[in-house]
Protein backbone atom coordinates (compact mmCIF):
# COMPACT_ATOMS: atom_id res chain seq x y z
CA MET A 1 83.91 -19.16 176.37
CA SER A 2 82.65 -16.95 173.53
CA GLN A 3 79.07 -15.70 173.60
CA ARG A 4 76.60 -14.59 171.00
CA ILE A 5 75.06 -11.15 171.11
CA GLY A 6 71.70 -12.19 172.58
CA PRO A 7 72.99 -13.51 175.91
CA ILE A 8 75.37 -10.54 176.17
CA ALA A 9 72.48 -8.12 175.61
CA THR A 10 70.48 -9.89 178.31
CA ALA A 11 73.40 -9.90 180.77
CA THR A 12 74.14 -6.18 180.30
CA GLY A 13 70.66 -4.76 179.77
CA LEU A 14 71.77 -3.25 176.47
CA THR A 15 70.07 -3.75 173.14
CA ARG A 16 71.73 -5.67 170.36
CA ASP A 17 71.79 -2.48 168.31
CA THR A 18 73.64 -0.67 171.09
CA ILE A 19 76.24 -3.43 171.29
CA ARG A 20 76.73 -3.30 167.52
CA TYR A 21 77.01 0.50 167.74
CA TYR A 22 79.69 0.21 170.42
CA GLU A 23 81.46 -2.26 168.17
CA ARG A 24 81.44 0.25 165.29
CA LEU A 25 82.83 2.94 167.64
CA GLY A 26 85.64 0.65 168.72
CA LEU A 27 84.45 0.37 172.32
CA VAL A 28 84.05 -3.38 171.90
CA CYS A 29 86.45 -5.42 169.82
CA LYS A 30 85.20 -6.88 166.56
CA PRO A 31 83.98 -10.37 167.35
CA ALA A 32 84.79 -13.54 165.53
CA ARG A 33 82.03 -14.92 163.33
CA THR A 34 80.55 -18.36 163.07
CA ASP A 35 80.18 -20.06 159.69
CA GLY A 36 76.59 -18.78 159.76
CA GLY A 37 77.76 -15.20 160.33
CA PHE A 38 76.76 -14.92 163.99
CA ARG A 39 78.98 -12.77 166.19
CA LEU A 40 80.97 -14.56 168.88
CA TYR A 41 82.24 -12.13 171.51
CA PRO A 42 85.15 -12.88 173.83
CA PRO A 43 84.40 -13.69 177.49
CA ASP A 44 85.37 -10.23 178.82
CA THR A 45 82.77 -8.42 176.68
CA VAL A 46 80.09 -8.37 179.39
CA THR A 47 82.53 -6.81 181.87
CA ARG A 48 83.62 -4.24 179.30
CA LEU A 49 80.02 -3.30 178.45
CA ARG A 50 79.16 -2.95 182.14
CA PHE A 51 82.17 -0.64 182.53
CA ILE A 52 80.92 1.47 179.60
CA LYS A 53 77.44 1.76 181.14
CA GLN A 54 78.90 2.71 184.51
CA ALA A 55 81.22 5.29 182.96
CA GLN A 56 78.27 6.84 181.12
CA LYS A 57 76.38 7.08 184.41
CA LEU A 58 79.36 9.02 185.76
CA GLY A 59 78.94 11.48 182.91
CA LEU A 60 81.69 10.34 180.58
CA ALA A 61 81.06 10.67 176.86
CA LEU A 62 81.55 7.66 174.61
CA LYS A 63 84.64 9.31 173.06
CA GLU A 64 86.19 9.69 176.51
CA ILE A 65 85.36 6.10 177.35
CA ARG A 66 86.94 4.91 174.10
CA ASP A 67 90.08 6.90 174.94
CA LEU A 68 90.17 5.40 178.42
CA LEU A 69 89.72 1.89 177.10
CA GLY A 70 92.42 2.36 174.50
CA PRO A 71 95.40 0.08 174.66
CA ALA A 72 97.74 0.65 177.57
CA ASN A 73 100.60 -0.75 175.45
CA GLY A 74 102.31 -2.04 178.56
CA ARG A 75 102.14 1.41 180.18
CA ARG A 76 99.46 0.96 182.77
CA ARG A 77 100.66 4.04 184.61
CA ASP A 78 100.00 6.16 181.51
CA GLN A 79 96.52 4.69 181.21
CA CYS A 80 95.84 5.39 184.88
CA GLN A 81 97.01 8.99 184.43
CA ARG A 82 94.61 9.40 181.48
CA VAL A 83 91.75 8.02 183.54
CA ARG A 84 92.63 10.29 186.44
CA GLY A 85 92.75 13.34 184.18
CA VAL A 86 89.32 12.67 182.72
CA LEU A 87 87.79 11.93 186.11
CA ALA A 88 89.40 15.01 187.70
CA LYS A 89 87.92 17.22 184.98
CA HIS A 90 84.48 15.73 185.53
CA LEU A 91 84.86 16.17 189.28
CA SER A 92 85.72 19.83 188.76
CA ASP A 93 82.67 20.27 186.52
CA VAL A 94 80.40 18.60 189.10
CA GLU A 95 81.77 20.76 191.91
CA ALA A 96 81.19 23.93 189.86
CA ARG A 97 77.64 22.82 189.10
CA MET A 98 77.06 22.07 192.79
CA ARG A 99 78.15 25.62 193.69
CA GLU A 100 75.72 27.00 191.10
CA LEU A 101 72.93 24.80 192.45
CA GLU A 102 73.66 25.85 196.03
CA ALA A 103 73.43 29.53 195.05
CA PHE A 104 70.16 28.81 193.26
CA ARG A 105 68.85 26.92 196.31
CA GLN A 106 69.58 29.94 198.48
CA THR A 107 67.78 32.22 196.02
CA LEU A 108 64.74 29.95 196.06
CA GLN A 109 64.76 29.77 199.87
CA ALA A 110 64.82 33.56 200.09
CA ALA A 111 61.93 33.82 197.62
CA VAL A 112 59.87 31.29 199.58
CA LYS A 113 60.50 33.25 202.79
CA GLN A 114 59.35 36.46 201.08
CA CYS A 115 56.15 34.72 200.01
CA ASP A 116 55.64 33.29 203.52
CA ARG A 117 56.01 36.75 205.11
CA ALA A 118 53.56 38.28 202.64
CA LEU A 119 51.03 35.49 203.15
CA ARG A 120 51.24 35.73 206.97
CA ARG A 121 50.08 39.34 206.75
CA GLY A 122 46.76 38.00 205.53
CA GLU A 123 45.98 40.98 203.38
CA THR A 124 45.42 41.09 199.69
CA ILE A 125 48.75 42.15 198.30
CA SER A 126 50.74 41.52 195.21
CA CYS A 127 53.38 38.82 195.43
CA PRO A 128 56.72 40.37 196.46
CA VAL A 129 58.66 37.84 194.38
CA VAL A 130 56.69 38.70 191.25
CA ASP A 131 57.08 42.40 191.99
CA HIS A 132 60.84 41.98 192.47
CA LEU A 133 61.28 39.93 189.32
CA GLY A 134 59.16 42.40 187.37
CA SER A 135 61.26 45.34 188.53
CA GLU A 136 64.51 43.67 187.42
CA ASN A 137 63.37 43.54 183.80
CA GLU A 138 62.86 47.29 183.53
């Protein structure tokens, strides 16, 4: 059963403008129109929009999502390979970022330990982290 844009917006949590924007990008098929000009979307539109939202949460750009949603033309294996390729690239990017964050975490832990050691001494001293950072810029 076809639906108008309002109920679809409510069901997906998207604004009407966002749905129209996705339509212009080709992420959602152009809907039929009533005699009064209202859009009538096919029944699978809500599922498709939820997929788009979920894919964005995974870090996919709208262009990538459009490519993934493109017609399989009877070659579902090809479509699955495209999806896998995009997801594998994102996974690689996430893993690289995680390595960078882990290295940064270790740097921060070491800096906190330096501060803790200096503060345990109880004397008025300059902060070793500030001193270290200041000496690197020379």
